[in-house]
Amino acid sequence: MHQDVQQPSERRRERFIAALLDRCTALVAAGQRPVLGLNGPVGAGKSTLSRLLRQRAQDRGLALAIASIDDAYLPWQQRLEAMAANPFGVNRVPPGSHDPGLLASAIAAWRAEPAGLASLQLPRFDKTLRQGLGDRCDPWHGPADALLLEGWLVGYRPLGPGLAEALAIGDALAGLSPEERRALPRWDQALQPYQPLWDALDGLGLLWPCRWELPRRWRFQAEARQRRAGGGWMQPKALEALIRASLASLPPLLYGRALLGQADRVMLLDGRRRCLWEGSGAEAMGQRWAQMGARAQASSPSSSATG
């Protein structure tokens, strides 16, 4: 790995934040209303990093609004219909459970406002409604110079014919059940309506675990902390299904690695979510860990990831 791995994790994280905000600041100064994307698996710390980005933006005099792709989940009945007969038994998470056009329209309306600090209205989703099954709630609105959009599939592009090629490789998707494999074209096609929203992004940060079994551990740890704090929490079986849906509907070494080289900034995370490496997407592709990921794609892209 690059020699700056020896530098403190916090310093590398701050460099990651500064690089994204430098781009954001320059675009705002040019009279634009930028949208930054933040992609990372479940449990990787996207919410914590988003709050840090907002604080650092505020230090620069910028109002940074934050949205999650999950804020754009479909209303309850539409979501049930969209997720019918999925192999994970979930009512949300896989592509197709969101209304990306809702966020895209909100961004377009915000960008159409006259010059200066403009009001932005964003959808919101409350996971505690419907006894933990979740539903739409009142939207958020407020002034914003820029927007950060975070989520586990932010920026993912359909593979199209490339998916058929991956399926033709004997061990390319080891660890997926036959039913999950049969559903892959469904999820790939469901990514298409998200593309106009991704096209609105002006920059992208990517969080990449050093091992793909880590997201499951991270998410269960977060749930345990929430339970101890007295907040709402999910039963292990339901949580396992949601994690599985995020990692097996769009296997990360197929979809995430395609995004790796395109990201503006990348952070490699260890088991404690400390930053082992930080750099551009182009630099990331030259790292040994990224090449190991490429080789893993030909053997087991999701078995260790999903548990």
C-alpha atoms as a PDB file:
ATOM      1  CA  MET A   1       0.000   0.000   0.000  1.00  0.00           C
ATOM      2  CA  HIS A   2       0.900   3.652  -0.304  1.00  0.00           C
ATOM      3  CA  GLN A   3       3.318   4.813   2.374  1.00  0.00           C
ATOM      4  CA  ASP A   4       0.849   7.357   3.765  1.00  0.00           C
ATOM      5  CA  VAL A   5      -1.079   4.445   5.269  1.00  0.00           C
ATOM      6  CA  GLN A   6       1.219   5.056   8.243  1.00  0.00           C
ATOM      7  CA  GLN A   7      -0.308   8.489   8.817  1.00  0.00           C
ATOM      8  CA  PRO A   8      -3.145   8.771  11.362  1.00  0.00           C
ATOM      9  CA  SER A   9      -6.577   7.687  10.207  1.00  0.00           C
ATOM     10  CA  GLU A  10      -8.085  11.012  11.237  1.00  0.00           C
ATOM     11  CA  ARG A  11      -5.713  12.945   9.018  1.00  0.00           C
ATOM     12  CA  ARG A  12      -6.595  10.847   6.000  1.00  0.00           C
ATOM     13  CA  ARG A  13     -10.309  11.213   6.756  1.00  0.00           C
ATOM     14  CA  GLU A  14      -9.966  14.994   6.992  1.00  0.00           C
ATOM     15  CA  ARG A  15      -8.133  15.000   3.666  1.00  0.00           C
ATOM     16  CA  PHE A  16     -11.019  13.043   2.128  1.00  0.00           C
ATOM     17  CA  ILE A  17     -13.517  15.566   3.501  1.00  0.00           C
ATOM     18  CA  ALA A  18     -11.453  18.563   2.411  1.00  0.00           C
ATOM     19  CA  ALA A  19     -11.088  17.257  -1.156  1.00  0.00           C
ATOM     20  CA  LEU A  20     -14.857  16.871  -1.567  1.00  0.00           C
ATOM     21  CA  LEU A  21     -15.561  20.254   0.008  1.00  0.00           C
ATOM     22  CA  ASP A  22     -12.905  21.964  -2.132  1.00  0.00           C
ATOM     23  CA  ARG A  23     -14.829  20.869  -5.204  1.00  0.00           C
ATOM     24  CA  CYS A  24     -18.118  21.895  -3.613  1.00  0.00           C
ATOM     25  CA  THR A  25     -16.778  25.324  -2.620  1.00  0.00           C
ATOM     26  CA  ALA A  26     -15.436  25.990  -6.101  1.00  0.00           C
ATOM     27  CA  LEU A  27     -18.785  25.132  -7.704  1.00  0.00           C
ATOM     28  CA  VAL A  28     -20.723  27.340  -5.274  1.00  0.00           C
ATOM     29  CA  ALA A  29     -18.289  30.195  -5.997  1.00  0.00           C
ATOM     30  CA  ALA A  30     -19.035  29.689  -9.708  1.00  0.00           C
ATOM     31  CA  GLY A  31     -22.749  30.209  -9.033  1.00  0.00           C
ATOM     32  CA  GLN A  32     -23.748  26.527  -9.081  1.00  0.00           C
ATOM     33  CA  ARG A  33     -25.667  24.417  -6.555  1.00  0.00           C
ATOM     34  CA  PRO A  34     -23.587  21.243  -6.327  1.00  0.00           C
ATOM     35  CA  VAL A  35     -24.735  17.773  -5.328  1.00  0.00           C
ATOM     36  CA  LEU A  36     -22.128  15.446  -3.864  1.00  0.00           C
ATOM     37  CA  GLY A  37     -22.661  11.690  -3.614  1.00  0.00           C
ATOM     38  CA  LEU A  38     -21.391   9.459  -0.817  1.00  0.00           C
ATOM     39  CA  ASN A  39     -21.415   5.697  -1.441  1.00  0.00           C
ATOM     40  CA  GLY A  40     -20.592   3.046   1.138  1.00  0.00           C
ATOM     41  CA  PRO A  41     -21.974  -0.273   2.369  1.00  0.00           C
ATOM     42  CA  VAL A  42     -24.315  -0.622   5.332  1.00  0.00           C
ATOM     43  CA  GLY A  43     -22.644   0.185   8.627  1.00  0.00           C
ATOM     44  CA  ALA A  44     -19.633   1.936   7.057  1.00  0.00           C
ATOM     45  CA  GLY A  45     -20.288   5.232   8.836  1.00  0.00           C
ATOM     46  CA  LYS A  46     -21.938   7.244   6.052  1.00  0.00           C
ATOM     47  CA  SER A  47     -24.224   9.096   8.486  1.00  0.00           C
ATOM     48  CA  THR A  48     -21.335  10.043  10.787  1.00  0.00           C
ATOM     49  CA  LEU A  49     -19.199  11.176   7.855  1.00  0.00           C
ATOM     50  CA  SER A  50     -22.141  13.154   6.445  1.00  0.00           C
ATOM     51  CA  ARG A  51     -22.446  15.071   9.704  1.00  0.00           C
ATOM     52  CA  LEU A  52     -18.714  15.824   9.632  1.00  0.00           C
ATOM     53  CA  LEU A  53     -18.996  17.080   6.059  1.00  0.00           C
ATOM     54  CA  ARG A  54     -21.845  19.365   7.091  1.00  0.00           C
ATOM     55  CA  GLN A  55     -19.838  20.724  10.028  1.00  0.00           C
ATOM     56  CA  ARG A  56     -16.759  21.362   7.874  1.00  0.00           C
ATOM     57  CA  ALA A  57     -18.956  22.977   5.215  1.00  0.00           C
ATOM     58  CA  GLN A  58     -20.435  25.251   7.864  1.00  0.00           C
ATOM     59  CA  ASP A  59     -16.904  26.250   8.860  1.00  0.00           C
ATOM     60  CA  ARG A  60     -16.477  27.415   5.260  1.00  0.00           C
ATOM     61  CA  GLY A  61     -19.716  29.386   5.367  1.00  0.00           C
ATOM     62  CA  LEU A  62     -21.665  26.845   3.310  1.00  0.00           C
ATOM     63  CA  ALA A  63     -25.079  25.406   4.141  1.00  0.00           C
ATOM     64  CA  LEU A  64     -24.848  21.701   3.223  1.00  0.00           C
ATOM     65  CA  ALA A  65     -28.130  19.770   3.241  1.00  0.00           C
ATOM     66  CA  ILE A  66     -28.042  15.975   3.642  1.00  0.00           C
ATOM     67  CA  ALA A  67     -30.328  13.374   2.112  1.00  0.00           C
ATOM     68  CA  SER A  68     -30.236   9.605   1.972  1.00  0.00           C
ATOM     69  CA  ILE A  69     -31.414   7.649  -1.028  1.00  0.00           C
ATOM     70  CA  ASP A  70     -33.599   5.836   1.504  1.00  0.00           C
ATOM     71  CA  ASP A  71     -35.497   9.088   2.107  1.00  0.00           C
ATOM     72  CA  ALA A  72     -36.963   8.465  -1.349  1.00  0.00           C
ATOM     73  CA  TYR A  73     -38.481   5.076  -0.600  1.00  0.00           C
ATOM     74  CA  LEU A  74     -41.792   4.511  -2.346  1.00  0.00           C
ATOM     75  CA  PRO A  75     -44.984   4.924  -0.296  1.00  0.00           C
ATOM     76  CA  TRP A  76     -46.043   1.784   1.536  1.00  0.00           C
ATOM     77  CA  GLN A  77     -48.451   0.162  -0.938  1.00  0.00           C
ATOM     78  CA  GLN A  78     -46.321   0.975  -3.992  1.00  0.00           C
ATOM     79  CA  ARG A  79     -43.269  -0.372  -2.216  1.00  0.00           C
ATOM     80  CA  LEU A  80     -44.995  -3.658  -1.402  1.00  0.00           C
ATOM     81  CA  GLU A  81     -45.953  -4.067  -5.055  1.00  0.00           C
ATOM     82  CA  ALA A  82     -42.456  -3.171  -6.284  1.00  0.00           C
ATOM     83  CA  MET A  83     -40.802  -5.626  -3.877  1.00  0.00           C
ATOM     84  CA  ALA A  84     -43.265  -8.492  -4.394  1.00  0.00           C
ATOM     85  CA  ALA A  85     -41.728 -11.967  -4.622  1.00  0.00           C
ATOM     86  CA  ASN A  86     -38.156 -10.855  -3.942  1.00  0.00           C
ATOM     87  CA  PRO A  87     -35.754 -13.565  -2.708  1.00  0.00           C
ATOM     88  CA  PHE A  88     -34.848 -11.694   0.492  1.00  0.00           C
ATOM     89  CA  GLY A  89     -38.358 -11.290   1.883  1.00  0.00           C
ATOM     90  CA  VAL A  90     -37.856  -7.539   2.418  1.00  0.00           C
ATOM     91  CA  ASN A  91     -40.101  -4.575   1.643  1.00  0.00           C
ATOM     92  CA  ARG A  92     -37.262  -2.104   1.085  1.00  0.00           C
ATOM     93  CA  VAL A  93     -33.533  -1.766   0.228  1.00  0.00           C
ATOM     94  CA  PRO A  94     -33.117  -3.334  -3.266  1.00  0.00           C
ATOM     95  CA  PRO A  95     -33.222  -1.082  -6.333  1.00  0.00           C
ATOM     96  CA  GLY A  96     -36.819  -0.496  -7.320  1.00  0.00           C
ATOM     97  CA  SER A  97     -37.951   0.207  -3.752  1.00  0.00           C
ATOM     98  CA  HIS A  98     -37.144   3.921  -4.184  1.00  0.00           C
ATOM     99  CA  ASP A  99     -38.588   6.795  -6.187  1.00  0.00           C
ATOM    100  CA  PRO A 100     -35.350   8.382  -7.473  1.00  0.00           C
ATOM    101  CA  GLY A 101     -37.358  10.770  -9.620  1.00  0.00           C
ATOM    102  CA  LEU A 102     -38.677  12.401  -6.447  1.00  0.00           C
ATOM    103  CA  LEU A 103     -35.161  13.404  -5.399  1.00  0.00           C
ATOM    104  CA  ALA A 104     -34.200  14.362  -8.945  1.00  0.00           C
ATOM    105  CA  SER A 105     -37.227  16.668  -9.158  1.00  0.00           C
ATOM    106  CA  ALA A 106     -36.389  18.249  -5.792  1.00  0.00           C
ATOM    107  CA  ILE A 107     -32.837  18.938  -6.981  1.00  0.00           C
ATOM    108  CA  ALA A 108     -34.038  20.389 -10.287  1.00  0.00           C
ATOM    109  CA  ALA A 109     -36.499  22.722  -8.517  1.00  0.00           C
ATOM    110  CA  TRP A 110     -33.791  23.879  -6.106  1.00  0.00           C
ATOM    111  CA  ARG A 111     -31.341  24.533  -8.917  1.00  0.00           C
ATOM    112  CA  ALA A 112     -33.986  26.527 -10.788  1.00  0.00           C
ATOM    113  CA  GLU A 113     -34.296  29.027  -7.913  1.00  0.00           C
ATOM    114  CA  PRO A 114     -32.789  32.516  -8.415  1.00  0.00           C
ATOM    115  CA  ALA A 115     -29.131  33.069  -7.562  1.00  0.00           C
ATOM    116  CA  GLY A 116     -28.137  33.015  -3.901  1.00  0.00           C
ATOM    117  CA  LEU A 117     -29.056  30.779  -0.991  1.00  0.00           C
ATOM    118  CA  ALA A 118     -32.119  28.814  -2.151  1.00  0.00           C
ATOM    119  CA  SER A 119     -34.707  26.747  -0.328  1.00  0.00           C
ATOM    120  CA  LEU A 120     -34.555  22.996  -0.846  1.00  0.00           C
ATOM    121  CA  GLN A 121     -37.320  20.523  -0.035  1.00  0.00           C
ATOM    122  CA  LEU A 122     -36.376  16.880   0.477  1.00  0.00           C
ATOM    123  CA  PRO A 123     -38.474  13.776   1.069  1.00  0.00           C
ATOM    124  CA  ARG A 124     -38.038  11.945   4.353  1.00  0.00           C
ATOM    125  CA  PHE A 125     -38.645   8.339   5.408  1.00  0.00           C
ATOM    126  CA  ASP A 126     -39.298   7.217   8.990  1.00  0.00           C
ATOM    127  CA  LYS A 127     -38.192   3.624   9.636  1.00  0.00           C
ATOM    128  CA  THR A 128     -40.118   3.534  12.927  1.00  0.00           C
ATOM    129  CA  LEU A 129     -43.540   3.882  11.283  1.00  0.00           C
ATOM    130  CA  ARG A 130     -45.767   0.854  10.581  1.00  0.00           C
ATOM    131  CA  GLN A 131     -44.222  -0.974  13.533  1.00  0.00           C
ATOM    132  CA  GLY A 132     -40.734  -0.745  12.105  1.00  0.00           C
ATOM    133  CA  LEU A 133     -41.626  -1.418   8.472  1.00  0.00           C
ATOM    134  CA  GLY A 134     -41.310   2.287   7.676  1.00  0.00           C
ATOM    135  CA  ASP A 135     -43.171   4.823   5.569  1.00  0.00           C
ATOM    136  CA  ARG A 136     -43.008   8.357   4.187  1.00  0.00           C
ATOM    137  CA  CYS A 137     -43.165  11.208   6.684  1.00  0.00           C
ATOM    138  CA  ASP A 138     -43.192  15.014   6.471  1.00  0.00           C
ATOM    139  CA  PRO A 139     -40.566  16.396   4.070  1.00  0.00           C
ATOM    140  CA  TRP A 140     -37.603  18.505   5.182  1.00  0.00           C
ATOM    141  CA  HIS A 141     -37.127  21.983   3.817  1.00  0.00           C
ATOM    142  CA  GLY A 142     -34.548  24.656   4.423  1.00  0.00           C
ATOM    143  CA  PRO A 143     -31.928  26.872   2.803  1.00  0.00           C
ATOM    144  CA  ALA A 144     -28.991  25.106   1.132  1.00  0.00           C
ATOM    145  CA  ASP A 145     -25.914  26.027  -0.875  1.00  0.00           C
ATOM    146  CA  ALA A 146     -25.129  22.381  -1.631  1.00  0.00           C
ATOM    147  CA  LEU A 147     -26.514  18.889  -1.104  1.00  0.00           C
ATOM    148  CA  LEU A 148     -24.921  15.624  -0.004  1.00  0.00           C
ATOM    149  CA  LEU A 149     -26.725  12.455  -1.134  1.00  0.00           C
ATOM    150  CA  GLU A 150     -25.629   9.283   0.633  1.00  0.00           C
ATOM    151  CA  GLY A 151     -26.555   5.638   0.214  1.00  0.00           C
ATOM    152  CA  TRP A 152     -25.231   2.152  -0.418  1.00  0.00           C
ATOM    153  CA  LEU A 153     -26.146   2.180  -4.125  1.00  0.00           C
ATOM    154  CA  VAL A 154     -25.489   5.853  -4.908  1.00  0.00           C
ATOM    155  CA  GLY A 155     -23.801   6.016  -8.313  1.00  0.00           C
ATOM    156  CA  TYR A 156     -24.336   2.349  -9.242  1.00  0.00           C
ATOM    157  CA  ARG A 157     -24.863   1.869 -12.978  1.00  0.00           C
ATOM    158  CA  PRO A 158     -26.660  -1.027 -14.713  1.00  0.00           C
ATOM    159  CA  LEU A 159     -24.310  -3.618 -16.144  1.00  0.00           C
ATOM    160  CA  GLY A 160     -26.682  -4.565 -18.959  1.00  0.00           C
ATOM    161  CA  PRO A 161     -24.903  -7.086 -21.223  1.00  0.00           C
ATOM    162  CA  GLY A 162     -22.012  -7.083 -18.746  1.00  0.00           C
ATOM    163  CA  LEU A 163     -24.232  -8.840 -16.217  1.00  0.00           C
ATOM    164  CA  ALA A 164     -24.849 -11.712 -18.626  1.00  0.00           C
ATOM    165  CA  GLU A 165     -21.088 -12.019 -19.056  1.00  0.00           C
ATOM    166  CA  ALA A 166     -20.613 -12.170 -15.278  1.00  0.00           C
ATOM    167  CA  LEU A 167     -23.313 -14.813 -14.954  1.00  0.00           C
ATOM    168  CA  ALA A 168     -21.570 -16.881 -17.607  1.00  0.00           C
ATOM    169  CA  ILE A 169     -18.410 -17.131 -15.483  1.00  0.00           C
ATOM    170  CA  GLY A 170     -18.679 -20.286 -13.424  1.00  0.00           C
ATOM    171  CA  ASP A 171     -17.748 -18.941  -9.967  1.00  0.00           C
ATOM    172  CA  ALA A 172     -18.400 -15.238 -10.518  1.00  0.00           C
ATOM    173  CA  LEU A 173     -21.343 -15.145  -8.108  1.00  0.00           C
ATOM    174  CA  ALA A 174     -20.485 -17.918  -5.663  1.00  0.00           C
ATOM    175  CA  GLY A 175     -22.439 -17.629  -2.420  1.00  0.00           C
ATOM    176  CA  LEU A 176     -25.725 -16.519  -3.996  1.00  0.00           C
ATOM    177  CA  SER A 177     -28.634 -18.911  -3.909  1.00  0.00           C
ATOM    178  CA  PRO A 178     -30.161 -19.992  -7.232  1.00  0.00           C
ATOM    179  CA  GLU A 179     -33.160 -17.751  -6.499  1.00  0.00           C
ATOM    180  CA  GLU A 180     -30.884 -14.763  -5.819  1.00  0.00           C
ATOM    181  CA  ARG A 181     -28.995 -15.392  -9.051  1.00  0.00           C
ATOM    182  CA  ARG A 182     -32.222 -15.509 -11.042  1.00  0.00           C
ATOM    183  CA  ALA A 183     -33.243 -12.152  -9.534  1.00  0.00           C
ATOM    184  CA  LEU A 184     -30.042 -10.336 -10.570  1.00  0.00           C
ATOM    185  CA  PRO A 185     -31.383  -9.179 -13.990  1.00  0.00           C
ATOM    186  CA  ARG A 186     -34.424  -7.771 -12.177  1.00  0.00           C
ATOM    187  CA  TRP A 187     -32.258  -5.608  -9.910  1.00  0.00           C
ATOM    188  CA  ASP A 188     -29.949  -4.592 -12.747  1.00  0.00           C
ATOM    189  CA  GLN A 189     -32.897  -3.387 -14.808  1.00  0.00           C
ATOM    190  CA  ALA A 190     -34.359  -1.630 -11.741  1.00  0.00           C
ATOM    191  CA  LEU A 191     -31.238   0.552 -11.589  1.00  0.00           C
ATOM    192  CA  GLN A 192     -32.143   2.321 -14.823  1.00  0.00           C
ATOM    193  CA  PRO A 193     -34.545   4.923 -13.307  1.00  0.00           C
ATOM    194  CA  TYR A 194     -31.794   5.996 -10.878  1.00  0.00           C
ATOM    195  CA  GLN A 195     -29.481   7.156 -13.649  1.00  0.00           C
ATOM    196  CA  PRO A 196     -30.866  10.722 -14.063  1.00  0.00           C
ATOM    197  CA  LEU A 197     -30.337  11.211 -10.321  1.00  0.00           C
ATOM    198  CA  TRP A 198     -26.734   9.972 -10.516  1.00  0.00           C
ATOM    199  CA  ASP A 199     -26.206  12.212 -13.544  1.00  0.00           C
ATOM    200  CA  ALA A 200     -27.030  15.189 -11.288  1.00  0.00           C
ATOM    201  CA  LEU A 201     -24.020  14.423  -9.053  1.00  0.00           C
ATOM    202  CA  ASP A 202     -21.078  16.828  -9.230  1.00  0.00           C
ATOM    203  CA  GLY A 203     -18.708  14.662  -7.189  1.00  0.00           C
ATOM    204  CA  LEU A 204     -18.563  11.289  -5.469  1.00  0.00           C
ATOM    205  CA  GLY A 205     -16.888   9.936  -2.360  1.00  0.00           C
ATOM    206  CA  LEU A 206     -16.629   6.174  -1.858  1.00  0.00           C
ATOM    207  CA  LEU A 207     -16.088   4.157   1.330  1.00  0.00           C
ATOM    208  CA  TRP A 208     -14.547   0.731   0.653  1.00  0.00           C
ATOM    209  CA  PRO A 209     -14.093  -1.957   3.338  1.00  0.00           C
ATOM    210  CA  CYS A 210     -10.836  -3.886   3.367  1.00  0.00           C
ATOM    211  CA  ARG A 211     -12.932  -7.078   3.647  1.00  0.00           C
ATOM    212  CA  TRP A 212     -16.484  -7.501   2.448  1.00  0.00           C
ATOM    213  CA  GLU A 213     -17.612  -9.510   5.465  1.00  0.00           C
ATOM    214  CA  LEU A 214     -17.244  -6.313   7.527  1.00  0.00           C
ATOM    215  CA  PRO A 215     -20.506  -4.490   6.557  1.00  0.00           C
ATOM    216  CA  ARG A 216     -22.600  -7.209   8.158  1.00  0.00           C
ATOM    217  CA  ARG A 217     -20.595  -6.973  11.387  1.00  0.00           C
ATOM    218  CA  TRP A 218     -20.733  -3.175  11.376  1.00  0.00           C
ATOM    219  CA  ARG A 219     -24.507  -3.116  10.899  1.00  0.00           C
ATOM    220  CA  PHE A 220     -25.130  -5.591  13.717  1.00  0.00           C
ATOM    221  CA  GLN A 221     -22.833  -3.585  15.991  1.00  0.00           C
ATOM    222  CA  ALA A 222     -24.778  -0.407  15.204  1.00  0.00           C
ATOM    223  CA  GLU A 223     -28.054  -2.165  15.958  1.00  0.00           C
ATOM    224  CA  ALA A 224     -26.690  -3.383  19.299  1.00  0.00           C
ATOM    225  CA  ARG A 225     -25.668   0.167  20.233  1.00  0.00           C
ATOM    226  CA  GLN A 226     -29.099   1.462  19.324  1.00  0.00           C
ATOM    227  CA  ARG A 227     -30.756  -1.245  21.428  1.00  0.00           C
ATOM    228  CA  ARG A 228     -28.573  -0.428  24.447  1.00  0.00           C
ATOM    229  CA  ALA A 229     -29.412   3.266  24.033  1.00  0.00           C
ATOM    230  CA  GLY A 230     -33.110   2.469  24.226  1.00  0.00           C
ATOM    231  CA  GLY A 231     -33.882   3.360  20.613  1.00  0.00           C
ATOM    232  CA  GLY A 232     -35.910   1.365  18.123  1.00  0.00           C
ATOM    233  CA  TRP A 233     -34.192  -1.775  16.908  1.00  0.00           C
ATOM    234  CA  MET A 234     -34.811  -4.704  14.582  1.00  0.00           C
ATOM    235  CA  GLN A 235     -35.016  -8.394  15.265  1.00  0.00           C
ATOM    236  CA  PRO A 236     -31.840 -10.208  14.078  1.00  0.00           C
ATOM    237  CA  LYS A 237     -33.660 -12.166  11.369  1.00  0.00           C
ATOM    238  CA  ALA A 238     -35.181  -9.018   9.839  1.00  0.00           C
ATOM    239  CA  LEU A 239     -31.864  -7.174  10.046  1.00  0.00           C
ATOM    240  CA  GLU A 240     -30.049 -10.085   8.403  1.00  0.00           C
ATOM    241  CA  ALA A 241     -32.530  -9.969   5.518  1.00  0.00           C
ATOM    242  CA  LEU A 242     -31.968  -6.229   4.938  1.00  0.00           C
ATOM    243  CA  ILE A 243     -28.185  -6.617   5.008  1.00  0.00           C
ATOM    244  CA  ARG A 244     -28.372  -9.560   2.647  1.00  0.00           C
ATOM    245  CA  ALA A 245     -30.582  -7.562   0.292  1.00  0.00           C
ATOM    246  CA  SER A 246     -28.043  -4.722   0.106  1.00  0.00           C
ATOM    247  CA  LEU A 247     -25.093  -6.994  -0.591  1.00  0.00           C
ATOM    248  CA  ALA A 248     -26.646  -9.681  -2.781  1.00  0.00           C
ATOM    249  CA  SER A 249     -29.054  -7.689  -4.971  1.00  0.00           C
ATOM    250  CA  LEU A 250     -26.132  -5.661  -6.387  1.00  0.00           C
ATOM    251  CA  PRO A 251     -22.961  -7.609  -5.472  1.00  0.00           C
ATOM    252  CA  PRO A 252     -20.384  -4.943  -4.561  1.00  0.00           C
ATOM    253  CA  LEU A 253     -17.486  -6.481  -6.437  1.00  0.00           C
ATOM    254  CA  LEU A 254     -19.560  -6.243  -9.597  1.00  0.00           C
ATOM    255  CA  TYR A 255     -21.231  -2.865  -9.106  1.00  0.00           C
ATOM    256  CA  GLY A 256     -19.076  -1.158  -6.495  1.00  0.00           C
ATOM    257  CA  ARG A 257     -15.784  -1.902  -8.179  1.00  0.00           C
ATOM    258  CA  ALA A 258     -17.082  -0.433 -11.435  1.00  0.00           C
ATOM    259  CA  LEU A 259     -17.629   2.764  -9.431  1.00  0.00           C
ATOM    260  CA  LEU A 260     -14.259   2.640  -7.678  1.00  0.00           C
ATOM    261  CA  GLY A 261     -12.193   4.153 -10.478  1.00  0.00           C
ATOM    262  CA  GLN A 262     -14.795   6.852 -11.155  1.00  0.00           C
ATOM    263  CA  ALA A 263     -14.959   8.212  -7.602  1.00  0.00           C
ATOM    264  CA  ASP A 264     -13.434  11.597  -6.852  1.00  0.00           C
ATOM    265  CA  ARG A 265     -12.160  10.365  -3.482  1.00  0.00           C
ATOM    266  CA  VAL A 266     -11.945   6.923  -1.896  1.00  0.00           C
ATOM    267  CA  MET A 267     -11.361   5.790   1.685  1.00  0.00           C
ATOM    268  CA  LEU A 268     -10.278   2.232   2.481  1.00  0.00           C
ATOM    269  CA  LEU A 269     -11.646   1.210   5.892  1.00  0.00           C
ATOM    270  CA  ASP A 270     -10.379  -1.379   8.356  1.00  0.00           C
ATOM    271  CA  GLY A 271     -12.544  -3.450  10.701  1.00  0.00           C
ATOM    272  CA  ARG A 272     -12.894  -0.519  13.103  1.00  0.00           C
ATOM    273  CA  ARG A 273     -13.811   1.849  10.268  1.00  0.00           C
ATOM    274  CA  ARG A 274     -10.463   3.620  10.491  1.00  0.00           C
ATOM    275  CA  CYS A 275      -9.107   5.022   7.239  1.00  0.00           C
ATOM    276  CA  LEU A 276      -6.197   2.895   6.003  1.00  0.00           C
ATOM    277  CA  TRP A 277      -5.797   4.733   2.695  1.00  0.00           C
ATOM    278  CA  GLU A 278      -7.266   7.805   1.007  1.00  0.00           C
ATOM    279  CA  GLY A 279      -6.904   9.057  -2.540  1.00  0.00           C
ATOM    280  CA  SER A 280      -8.573   9.549  -5.891  1.00  0.00           C
ATOM    281  CA  GLY A 281     -10.491   6.797  -7.621  1.00  0.00           C
ATOM    282  CA  ALA A 282      -7.806   6.576 -10.298  1.00  0.00           C
ATOM    283  CA  GLU A 283      -5.151   6.129  -7.599  1.00  0.00           C
ATOM    284  CA  ALA A 284      -7.304   3.545  -5.846  1.00  0.00           C
ATOM    285  CA  MET A 285      -7.391   1.353  -8.938  1.00  0.00           C
ATOM    286  CA  GLY A 286      -3.608   1.008  -8.748  1.00  0.00           C
ATOM    287  CA  GLN A 287      -3.681  -0.243  -5.156  1.00  0.00           C
ATOM    288  CA  ARG A 288      -3.074  -3.877  -4.279  1.00  0.00           C
ATOM    289  CA  TRP A 289      -6.363  -4.136  -2.354  1.00  0.00           C
ATOM    290  CA  ALA A 290      -8.330  -2.995  -5.413  1.00  0.00           C
ATOM    291  CA  GLN A 291      -6.625  -5.599  -7.585  1.00  0.00           C
ATOM    292  CA  MET A 292      -7.391  -8.265  -4.993  1.00  0.00           C
ATOM    293  CA  GLY A 293     -11.015  -7.210  -5.265  1.00  0.00           C
ATOM    294  CA  ALA A 294     -10.883  -7.711  -9.012  1.00  0.00           C
ATOM    295  CA  ARG A 295      -9.566 -11.242  -8.554  1.00  0.00           C
ATOM    296  CA  ALA A 296     -12.188 -11.953  -5.912  1.00  0.00           C
ATOM    297  CA  GLN A 297     -14.871 -11.058  -8.431  1.00  0.00           C
ATOM    298  CA  ALA A 298     -13.943 -14.174 -10.353  1.00  0.00           C
ATOM    299  CA  SER A 299     -14.335 -16.401  -7.300  1.00  0.00           C
ATOM    300  CA  SER A 300     -16.705 -15.133  -4.605  1.00  0.00           C
ATOM    301  CA  PRO A 301     -18.141 -11.644  -4.831  1.00  0.00           C
ATOM    302  CA  SER A 302     -20.784 -12.040  -2.174  1.00  0.00           C
ATOM    303  CA  SER A 303     -20.413 -15.168  -0.051  1.00  0.00           C
ATOM    304  CA  SER A 304     -18.172 -13.522   2.526  1.00  0.00           C
ATOM    305  CA  ALA A 305     -19.995 -10.221   2.193  1.00  0.00           C
ATOM    306  CA  THR A 306     -23.395 -11.483   3.168  1.00  0.00           C
ATOM    307  CA  GLY A 307     -22.614 -14.190   5.700  1.00  0.00           C
END
